[in-house]
Amino acid sequence: MRRAGNIFEQESYRGTGVRTVSGVTLTLIICSALSGLAAISIIANFGAVTARIAIFMANLLSSGFPILIVIAAVIYFVVRLKWKLRRSFWGW
């Protein structure tokens, strides 16, 4: 099962006397350490992080981007409705 493509399978092909860390375990350790460091830095700088989030959202909302999303959604639903009406007309 060495080349099966399943990353969560046991890596028993290394041999019986070899004590190494598998790739999955190593990835888990690295990702856990990085997320722990990120959590500590967010907690330590909570005021700065929330201020940056607030500034980002204020800039996003004042830029007109939500209006563009609403216009795109309306156009999408109108085109979709017209396509359904056209298909139902020719279907009967």
PDB file of N, CA and C in Angstrom:
ATOM      1  N   MET A   1       0.816  -1.192   0.000  1.00  0.00           N
ATOM      2  CA  MET A   1       0.000   0.000   0.000  1.00  0.00           C
ATOM      3  C   MET A   1       0.862   1.260   0.000  1.00  0.00           C
ATOM      4  N   ARG A   2       2.043   1.175  -0.509  1.00  0.00           N
ATOM      5  CA  ARG A   2       2.938   2.317  -0.464  1.00  0.00           C
ATOM      6  C   ARG A   2       2.458   3.440  -1.369  1.00  0.00           C
ATOM      7  N   ARG A   3       1.948   3.136  -2.531  1.00  0.00           N
ATOM      8  CA  ARG A   3       1.556   4.159  -3.483  1.00  0.00           C
ATOM      9  C   ARG A   3       0.053   4.167  -3.706  1.00  0.00           C
ATOM     10  N   ALA A   4      -0.715   3.923  -2.652  1.00  0.00           N
ATOM     11  CA  ALA A   4      -2.167   3.875  -2.784  1.00  0.00           C
ATOM     12  C   ALA A   4      -2.789   5.262  -2.828  1.00  0.00           C
ATOM     13  N   GLY A   5      -2.098   6.286  -2.354  1.00  0.00           N
ATOM     14  CA  GLY A   5      -2.637   7.631  -2.366  1.00  0.00           C
ATOM     15  C   GLY A   5      -3.405   7.995  -1.115  1.00  0.00           C
ATOM     16  N   ASN A   6      -3.441   7.133  -0.130  1.00  0.00           N
ATOM     17  CA  ASN A   6      -4.142   7.407   1.108  1.00  0.00           C
ATOM     18  C   ASN A   6      -3.127   7.914   2.117  1.00  0.00           C
ATOM     19  N   ILE A   7      -3.190   9.208   2.467  1.00  0.00           N
ATOM     20  CA  ILE A   7      -2.194   9.769   3.364  1.00  0.00           C
ATOM     21  C   ILE A   7      -2.437   9.399   4.828  1.00  0.00           C
ATOM     22  N   PHE A   8      -3.625   8.891   5.138  1.00  0.00           N
ATOM     23  CA  PHE A   8      -3.931   8.563   6.525  1.00  0.00           C
ATOM     24  C   PHE A   8      -3.691   7.096   6.849  1.00  0.00           C
ATOM     25  N   GLU A   9      -3.140   6.357   5.948  1.00  0.00           N
ATOM     26  CA  GLU A   9      -2.884   4.943   6.179  1.00  0.00           C
ATOM     27  C   GLU A   9      -1.578   4.772   6.936  1.00  0.00           C
ATOM     28  N   GLN A  10      -1.446   3.674   7.633  1.00  0.00           N
ATOM     29  CA  GLN A  10      -0.228   3.392   8.372  1.00  0.00           C
ATOM     30  C   GLN A  10       0.936   3.224   7.407  1.00  0.00           C
ATOM     31  N   GLU A  11       2.056   3.805   7.745  1.00  0.00           N
ATOM     32  CA  GLU A  11       3.242   3.690   6.907  1.00  0.00           C
ATOM     33  C   GLU A  11       4.131   2.587   7.466  1.00  0.00           C
ATOM     34  N   SER A  12       3.744   1.367   7.209  1.00  0.00           N
ATOM     35  CA  SER A  12       4.466   0.231   7.768  1.00  0.00           C
ATOM     36  C   SER A  12       5.532  -0.293   6.825  1.00  0.00           C
ATOM     37  N   TYR A  13       5.754   0.333   5.701  1.00  0.00           N
ATOM     38  CA  TYR A  13       6.733  -0.148   4.732  1.00  0.00           C
ATOM     39  C   TYR A  13       8.153   0.255   5.088  1.00  0.00           C
ATOM     40  N   ARG A  14       8.320   1.042   6.143  1.00  0.00           N
ATOM     41  CA  ARG A  14       9.649   1.530   6.505  1.00  0.00           C
ATOM     42  C   ARG A  14      10.534   0.439   7.108  1.00  0.00           C
ATOM     43  N   GLY A  15       9.937  -0.571   7.612  1.00  0.00           N
ATOM     44  CA  GLY A  15      10.728  -1.628   8.237  1.00  0.00           C
ATOM     45  C   GLY A  15      10.411  -1.725   9.717  1.00  0.00           C
ATOM     46  N   THR A  16      10.851  -2.788  10.354  1.00  0.00           N
ATOM     47  CA  THR A  16      10.494  -3.018  11.752  1.00  0.00           C
ATOM     48  C   THR A  16      11.414  -2.290  12.709  1.00  0.00           C
ATOM     49  N   GLY A  17      12.692  -2.154  12.384  1.00  0.00           N
ATOM     50  CA  GLY A  17      13.633  -1.554  13.327  1.00  0.00           C
ATOM     51  C   GLY A  17      13.800  -0.062  13.169  1.00  0.00           C
ATOM     52  N   VAL A  18      13.131   0.567  12.220  1.00  0.00           N
ATOM     53  CA  VAL A  18      13.310   1.991  11.963  1.00  0.00           C
ATOM     54  C   VAL A  18      12.288   2.778  12.769  1.00  0.00           C
ATOM     55  N   ARG A  19      12.777   3.714  13.594  1.00  0.00           N
ATOM     56  CA  ARG A  19      11.878   4.550  14.385  1.00  0.00           C
ATOM     57  C   ARG A  19      11.901   5.951  13.808  1.00  0.00           C
ATOM     58  N   THR A  20      10.959   6.227  12.950  1.00  0.00           N
ATOM     59  CA  THR A  20      10.876   7.547  12.342  1.00  0.00           C
ATOM     60  C   THR A  20       9.455   8.069  12.510  1.00  0.00           C
ATOM     61  N   VAL A  21       9.308   9.348  12.284  1.00  0.00           N
ATOM     62  CA  VAL A  21       8.004   9.989  12.375  1.00  0.00           C
ATOM     63  C   VAL A  21       7.406   9.999  10.970  1.00  0.00           C
ATOM     64  N   SER A  22       6.146   9.583  10.858  1.00  0.00           N
ATOM     65  CA  SER A  22       5.511   9.556   9.545  1.00  0.00           C
ATOM     66  C   SER A  22       5.213  10.968   9.073  1.00  0.00           C
ATOM     67  N   GLY A  23       4.942  11.091   7.783  1.00  0.00           N
ATOM     68  CA  GLY A  23       4.650  12.397   7.210  1.00  0.00           C
ATOM     69  C   GLY A  23       3.385  13.008   7.767  1.00  0.00           C
ATOM     70  N   VAL A  24       2.387  12.170   8.025  1.00  0.00           N
ATOM     71  CA  VAL A  24       1.118  12.660   8.575  1.00  0.00           C
ATOM     72  C   VAL A  24       1.327  13.200   9.977  1.00  0.00           C
ATOM     73  N   THR A  25       2.085  12.480  10.792  1.00  0.00           N
ATOM     74  CA  THR A  25       2.345  12.920  12.160  1.00  0.00           C
ATOM     75  C   THR A  25       3.163  14.215  12.166  1.00  0.00           C
ATOM     76  N   LEU A  26       4.143  14.301  11.290  1.00  0.00           N
ATOM     77  CA  LEU A  26       4.960  15.501  11.209  1.00  0.00           C
ATOM     78  C   LEU A  26       4.130  16.709  10.776  1.00  0.00           C
ATOM     79  N   THR A  27       3.253  16.519   9.799  1.00  0.00           N
ATOM     80  CA  THR A  27       2.371  17.599   9.358  1.00  0.00           C
ATOM     81  C   THR A  27       1.433  18.023  10.468  1.00  0.00           C
ATOM     82  N   LEU A  28       0.897  17.080  11.204  1.00  0.00           N
ATOM     83  CA  LEU A  28       0.009  17.384  12.323  1.00  0.00           C
ATOM     84  C   LEU A  28       0.729  18.190  13.390  1.00  0.00           C
ATOM     85  N   ILE A  29       1.947  17.827  13.704  1.00  0.00           N
ATOM     86  CA  ILE A  29       2.718  18.541  14.727  1.00  0.00           C
ATOM     87  C   ILE A  29       3.014  19.970  14.271  1.00  0.00           C
ATOM     88  N   ILE A  30       3.419  20.144  13.019  1.00  0.00           N
ATOM     89  CA  ILE A  30       3.752  21.479  12.515  1.00  0.00           C
ATOM     90  C   ILE A  30       2.509  22.369  12.478  1.00  0.00           C
ATOM     91  N   CYS A  31       1.395  21.831  11.969  1.00  0.00           N
ATOM     92  CA  CYS A  31       0.161  22.634  11.901  1.00  0.00           C
ATOM     93  C   CYS A  31      -0.364  22.977  13.295  1.00  0.00           C
ATOM     94  N   SER A  32      -0.240  22.064  14.236  1.00  0.00           N
ATOM     95  CA  SER A  32      -0.674  22.345  15.604  1.00  0.00           C
ATOM     96  C   SER A  32       0.182  23.430  16.234  1.00  0.00           C
ATOM     97  N   ALA A  33       1.481  23.380  16.008  1.00  0.00           N
ATOM     98  CA  ALA A  33       2.369  24.404  16.566  1.00  0.00           C
ATOM     99  C   ALA A  33       2.076  25.773  15.948  1.00  0.00           C
ATOM    100  N   LEU A  34       1.861  25.810  14.646  1.00  0.00           N
ATOM    101  CA  LEU A  34       1.566  27.089  13.993  1.00  0.00           C
ATOM    102  C   LEU A  34       0.233  27.672  14.460  1.00  0.00           C
ATOM    103  N   SER A  35      -0.789  26.842  14.599  1.00  0.00           N
ATOM    104  CA  SER A  35      -2.073  27.367  15.055  1.00  0.00           C
ATOM    105  C   SER A  35      -2.011  27.773  16.526  1.00  0.00           C
ATOM    106  N   GLY A  36      -1.213  27.105  17.325  1.00  0.00           N
ATOM    107  CA  GLY A  36      -1.018  27.518  18.709  1.00  0.00           C
ATOM    108  C   GLY A  36      -0.326  28.867  18.806  1.00  0.00           C
ATOM    109  N   LEU A  37       0.721  29.061  17.987  1.00  0.00           N
ATOM    110  CA  LEU A  37       1.399  30.358  17.964  1.00  0.00           C
ATOM    111  C   LEU A  37       0.476  31.467  17.463  1.00  0.00           C
ATOM    112  N   ALA A  38      -0.344  31.165  16.458  1.00  0.00           N
ATOM    113  CA  ALA A  38      -1.283  32.162  15.948  1.00  0.00           C
ATOM    114  C   ALA A  38      -2.310  32.528  17.013  1.00  0.00           C
ATOM    115  N   ALA A  39      -2.808  31.545  17.749  1.00  0.00           N
ATOM    116  CA  ALA A  39      -3.779  31.824  18.805  1.00  0.00           C
ATOM    117  C   ALA A  39      -3.159  32.687  19.906  1.00  0.00           C
ATOM    118  N   ILE A  40      -1.933  32.390  20.277  1.00  0.00           N
ATOM    119  CA  ILE A  40      -1.262  33.176  21.316  1.00  0.00           C
ATOM    120  C   ILE A  40      -1.045  34.616  20.846  1.00  0.00           C
ATOM    121  N   SER A  41      -0.644  34.791  19.579  1.00  0.00           N
ATOM    122  CA  SER A  41      -0.418  36.150  19.092  1.00  0.00           C
ATOM    123  C   SER A  41      -1.718  36.932  18.953  1.00  0.00           C
ATOM    124  N   ILE A  42      -2.804  36.267  18.601  1.00  0.00           N
ATOM    125  CA  ILE A  42      -4.099  36.954  18.518  1.00  0.00           C
ATOM    126  C   ILE A  42      -4.568  37.365  19.909  1.00  0.00           C
ATOM    127  N   ILE A  43      -4.404  36.485  20.887  1.00  0.00           N
ATOM    128  CA  ILE A  43      -4.818  36.812  22.258  1.00  0.00           C
ATOM    129  C   ILE A  43      -3.951  37.945  22.819  1.00  0.00           C
ATOM    130  N   ALA A  44      -2.654  37.911  22.513  1.00  0.00           N
ATOM    131  CA  ALA A  44      -1.759  38.943  23.040  1.00  0.00           C
ATOM    132  C   ALA A  44      -2.038  40.310  22.417  1.00  0.00           C
ATOM    133  N   ASN A  45      -2.431  40.339  21.158  1.00  0.00           N
ATOM    134  CA  ASN A  45      -2.684  41.599  20.453  1.00  0.00           C
ATOM    135  C   ASN A  45      -4.150  41.730  20.089  1.00  0.00           C
ATOM    136  N   PHE A  46      -5.028  41.417  21.003  1.00  0.00           N
ATOM    137  CA  PHE A  46      -6.459  41.365  20.693  1.00  0.00           C
ATOM    138  C   PHE A  46      -7.001  42.722  20.254  1.00  0.00           C
ATOM    139  N   GLY A  47      -6.583  43.774  20.895  1.00  0.00           N
ATOM    140  CA  GLY A  47      -7.059  45.110  20.537  1.00  0.00           C
ATOM    141  C   GLY A  47      -6.636  45.510  19.135  1.00  0.00           C
ATOM    142  N   ALA A  48      -5.388  45.237  18.785  1.00  0.00           N
ATOM    143  CA  ALA A  48      -4.894  45.582  17.449  1.00  0.00           C
ATOM    144  C   ALA A  48      -5.566  44.737  16.376  1.00  0.00           C
ATOM    145  N   VAL A  49      -5.795  43.460  16.676  1.00  0.00           N
ATOM    146  CA  VAL A  49      -6.429  42.575  15.704  1.00  0.00           C
ATOM    147  C   VAL A  49      -7.874  43.002  15.447  1.00  0.00           C
ATOM    148  N   THR A  50      -8.610  43.301  16.487  1.00  0.00           N
ATOM    149  CA  THR A  50      -9.997  43.729  16.290  1.00  0.00           C
ATOM    150  C   THR A  50     -10.066  45.086  15.595  1.00  0.00           C
ATOM    151  N   ALA A  51      -9.103  45.967  15.862  1.00  0.00           N
ATOM    152  CA  ALA A  51      -9.078  47.262  15.178  1.00  0.00           C
ATOM    153  C   ALA A  51      -8.804  47.084  13.685  1.00  0.00           C
ATOM    154  N   ARG A  52      -7.901  46.181  13.331  1.00  0.00           N
ATOM    155  CA  ARG A  52      -7.623  45.918  11.919  1.00  0.00           C
ATOM    156  C   ARG A  52      -8.838  45.314  11.217  1.00  0.00           C
ATOM    157  N   ILE A  53      -9.529  44.409  11.895  1.00  0.00           N
ATOM    158  CA  ILE A  53     -10.739  43.821  11.317  1.00  0.00           C
ATOM    159  C   ILE A  53     -11.802  44.891  11.108  1.00  0.00           C
ATOM    160  N   ALA A  54     -11.969  45.787  12.073  1.00  0.00           N
ATOM    161  CA  ALA A  54     -12.966  46.854  11.955  1.00  0.00           C
ATOM    162  C   ALA A  54     -12.621  47.813  10.817  1.00  0.00           C
ATOM    163  N   ILE A  55     -11.354  48.160  10.676  1.00  0.00           N
ATOM    164  CA  ILE A  55     -10.944  49.049   9.585  1.00  0.00           C
ATOM    165  C   ILE A  55     -11.157  48.372   8.240  1.00  0.00           C
ATOM    166  N   PHE A  56     -10.831  47.085   8.140  1.00  0.00           N
ATOM    167  CA  PHE A  56     -11.023  46.348   6.893  1.00  0.00           C
ATOM    168  C   PHE A  56     -12.499  46.299   6.500  1.00  0.00           C
ATOM    169  N   MET A  57     -13.375  46.024   7.456  1.00  0.00           N
ATOM    170  CA  MET A  57     -14.804  45.946   7.152  1.00  0.00           C
ATOM    171  C   MET A  57     -15.367  47.318   6.795  1.00  0.00           C
ATOM    172  N   ALA A  58     -14.909  48.362   7.462  1.00  0.00           N
ATOM    173  CA  ALA A  58     -15.378  49.705   7.125  1.00  0.00           C
ATOM    174  C   ALA A  58     -14.950  50.093   5.712  1.00  0.00           C
ATOM    175  N   ASN A  59     -13.732  49.781   5.346  1.00  0.00           N
ATOM    176  CA  ASN A  59     -13.269  50.063   3.986  1.00  0.00           C
ATOM    177  C   ASN A  59     -14.034  49.240   2.958  1.00  0.00           C
ATOM    178  N   LEU A  60     -14.302  47.993   3.271  1.00  0.00           N
ATOM    179  CA  LEU A  60     -15.025  47.126   2.344  1.00  0.00           C
ATOM    180  C   LEU A  60     -16.452  47.606   2.132  1.00  0.00           C
ATOM    181  N   LEU A  61     -17.121  47.960   3.219  1.00  0.00           N
ATOM    182  CA  LEU A  61     -18.515  48.396   3.106  1.00  0.00           C
ATOM    183  C   LEU A  61     -18.639  49.767   2.463  1.00  0.00           C
ATOM    184  N   SER A  62     -17.649  50.621   2.624  1.00  0.00           N
ATOM    185  CA  SER A  62     -17.729  51.949   2.022  1.00  0.00           C
ATOM    186  C   SER A  62     -17.236  51.975   0.575  1.00  0.00           C
ATOM    187  N   SER A  63     -16.703  50.871   0.095  1.00  0.00           N
ATOM    188  CA  SER A  63     -16.163  50.860  -1.263  1.00  0.00           C
ATOM    189  C   SER A  63     -17.210  50.566  -2.325  1.00  0.00           C
ATOM    190  N   GLY A  64     -18.392  50.176  -1.954  1.00  0.00           N
ATOM    191  CA  GLY A  64     -19.425  49.859  -2.932  1.00  0.00           C
ATOM    192  C   GLY A  64     -19.405  48.406  -3.357  1.00  0.00           C
ATOM    193  N   PHE A  65     -18.547  47.612  -2.781  1.00  0.00           N
ATOM    194  CA  PHE A  65     -18.466  46.195  -3.137  1.00  0.00           C
ATOM    195  C   PHE A  65     -19.754  45.433  -2.829  1.00  0.00           C
ATOM    196  N   PRO A  66     -20.427  45.693  -1.695  1.00  0.00           N
ATOM    197  CA  PRO A  66     -21.696  44.985  -1.440  1.00  0.00           C
ATOM    198  C   PRO A  66     -22.768  45.295  -2.484  1.00  0.00           C
ATOM    199  N   ILE A  67     -22.772  46.529  -3.001  1.00  0.00           N
ATOM    200  CA  ILE A  67     -23.754  46.876  -4.035  1.00  0.00           C
ATOM    201  C   ILE A  67     -23.469  46.078  -5.304  1.00  0.00           C
ATOM    202  N   LEU A  68     -22.202  45.912  -5.635  1.00  0.00           N
ATOM    203  CA  LEU A  68     -21.820  45.116  -6.798  1.00  0.00           C
ATOM    204  C   LEU A  68     -22.255  43.661  -6.627  1.00  0.00           C
ATOM    205  N   ILE A  69     -22.120  43.113  -5.435  1.00  0.00           N
ATOM    206  CA  ILE A  69     -22.546  41.736  -5.173  1.00  0.00           C
ATOM    207  C   ILE A  69     -24.057  41.607  -5.320  1.00  0.00           C
ATOM    208  N   VAL A  70     -24.805  42.562  -4.806  1.00  0.00           N
ATOM    209  CA  VAL A  70     -26.270  42.524  -4.912  1.00  0.00           C
ATOM    210  C   VAL A  70     -26.706  42.618  -6.376  1.00  0.00           C
ATOM    211  N   ILE A  71     -26.077  43.487  -7.146  1.00  0.00           N
ATOM    212  CA  ILE A  71     -26.421  43.615  -8.567  1.00  0.00           C
ATOM    213  C   ILE A  71     -26.110  42.318  -9.309  1.00  0.00           C
ATOM    214  N   ALA A  72     -24.969  41.723  -9.037  1.00  0.00           N
ATOM    215  CA  ALA A  72     -24.609  40.463  -9.685  1.00  0.00           C
ATOM    216  C   ALA A  72     -25.585  39.347  -9.310  1.00  0.00           C
ATOM    217  N   ALA A  73     -26.021  39.298  -8.043  1.00  0.00           N
ATOM    218  CA  ALA A  73     -26.963  38.272  -7.617  1.00  0.00           C
ATOM    219  C   ALA A  73     -28.318  38.451  -8.290  1.00  0.00           C
ATOM    220  N   VAL A  74     -28.774  39.697  -8.417  1.00  0.00           N
ATOM    221  CA  VAL A  74     -30.057  39.952  -9.080  1.00  0.00           C
ATOM    222  C   VAL A  74     -29.986  39.540 -10.548  1.00  0.00           C
ATOM    223  N   ILE A  75     -28.914  39.906 -11.229  1.00  0.00           N
ATOM    224  CA  ILE A  75     -28.755  39.518 -12.633  1.00  0.00           C
ATOM    225  C   ILE A  75     -28.720  38.001 -12.773  1.00  0.00           C
ATOM    226  N   TYR A  76     -28.013  37.332 -11.869  1.00  0.00           N
ATOM    227  CA  TYR A  76     -27.937  35.868 -11.920  1.00  0.00           C
ATOM    228  C   TYR A  76     -29.313  35.239 -11.764  1.00  0.00           C
ATOM    229  N   PHE A  77     -30.095  35.701 -10.786  1.00  0.00           N
ATOM    230  CA  PHE A  77     -31.417  35.110 -10.565  1.00  0.00           C
ATOM    231  C   PHE A  77     -32.388  35.424 -11.699  1.00  0.00           C
ATOM    232  N   VAL A  78     -32.286  36.611 -12.301  1.00  0.00           N
ATOM    233  CA  VAL A  78     -33.155  36.942 -13.437  1.00  0.00           C
ATOM    234  C   VAL A  78     -32.827  36.057 -14.632  1.00  0.00           C
ATOM    235  N   VAL A  79     -31.545  35.902 -14.923  1.00  0.00           N
ATOM    236  CA  VAL A  79     -31.145  35.039 -16.040  1.00  0.00           C
ATOM    237  C   VAL A  79     -31.548  33.594 -15.771  1.00  0.00           C
ATOM    238  N   ARG A  80     -31.383  33.149 -14.557  1.00  0.00           N
ATOM    239  CA  ARG A  80     -31.767  31.776 -14.208  1.00  0.00           C
ATOM    240  C   ARG A  80     -33.273  31.587 -14.340  1.00  0.00           C
ATOM    241  N   LEU A  81     -34.065  32.554 -13.917  1.00  0.00           N
ATOM    242  CA  LEU A  81     -35.514  32.467 -14.031  1.00  0.00           C
ATOM    243  C   LEU A  81     -35.944  32.455 -15.494  1.00  0.00           C
ATOM    244  N   LYS A  82     -35.329  33.302 -16.305  1.00  0.00           N
ATOM    245  CA  LYS A  82     -35.659  33.312 -17.734  1.00  0.00           C
ATOM    246  C   LYS A  82     -35.319  31.978 -18.384  1.00  0.00           C
ATOM    247  N   TRP A  83     -34.198  31.387 -18.000  1.00  0.00           N
ATOM    248  CA  TRP A  83     -33.809  30.100 -18.566  1.00  0.00           C
ATOM    249  C   TRP A  83     -34.790  29.008 -18.163  1.00  0.00           C
ATOM    250  N   LYS A  84     -35.253  29.026 -16.919  1.00  0.00           N
ATOM    251  CA  LYS A  84     -36.234  28.032 -16.478  1.00  0.00           C
ATOM    252  C   LYS A  84     -37.563  28.215 -17.195  1.00  0.00           C
ATOM    253  N   LEU A  85     -37.987  29.467 -17.377  1.00  0.00           N
ATOM    254  CA  LEU A  85     -39.243  29.709 -18.088  1.00  0.00           C
ATOM    255  C   LEU A  85     -39.145  29.270 -19.536  1.00  0.00           C
ATOM    256  N   ARG A  86     -38.026  29.506 -20.161  1.00  0.00           N
ATOM    257  CA  ARG A  86     -37.841  29.092 -21.554  1.00  0.00           C
ATOM    258  C   ARG A  86     -37.849  27.581 -21.685  1.00  0.00           C
ATOM    259  N   ARG A  87     -37.199  26.893 -20.758  1.00  0.00           N
ATOM    260  CA  ARG A  87     -37.170  25.428 -20.811  1.00  0.00           C
ATOM    261  C   ARG A  87     -38.544  24.844 -20.522  1.00  0.00           C
ATOM    262  N   SER A  88     -39.281  25.442 -19.584  1.00  0.00           N
ATOM    263  CA  SER A  88     -40.603  24.894 -19.276  1.00  0.00           C
ATOM    264  C   SER A  88     -41.569  25.157 -20.413  1.00  0.00           C
ATOM    265  N   PHE A  89     -41.404  26.253 -21.154  1.00  0.00           N
ATOM    266  CA  PHE A  89     -42.272  26.538 -22.286  1.00  0.00           C
ATOM    267  C   PHE A  89     -42.069  25.503 -23.403  1.00  0.00           C
ATOM    268  N   TRP A  90     -40.815  25.187 -23.717  1.00  0.00           N
ATOM    269  CA  TRP A  90     -40.552  24.242 -24.788  1.00  0.00           C
ATOM    270  C   TRP A  90     -40.697  22.791 -24.304  1.00  0.00           C
ATOM    271  N   GLY A  91     -40.770  22.570 -23.012  1.00  0.00           N
ATOM    272  CA  GLY A  91     -40.863  21.201 -22.490  1.00  0.00           C
ATOM    273  C   GLY A  91     -42.256  20.605 -22.564  1.00  0.00           C
ATOM    274  N   TRP A  92     -43.285  21.426 -22.657  1.00  0.00           N
ATOM    275  CA  TRP A  92     -44.637  20.848 -22.653  1.00  0.00           C
ATOM    276  C   TRP A  92     -45.118  20.803 -24.017  1.00  0.00           C
TER     277      TRP A  92
END
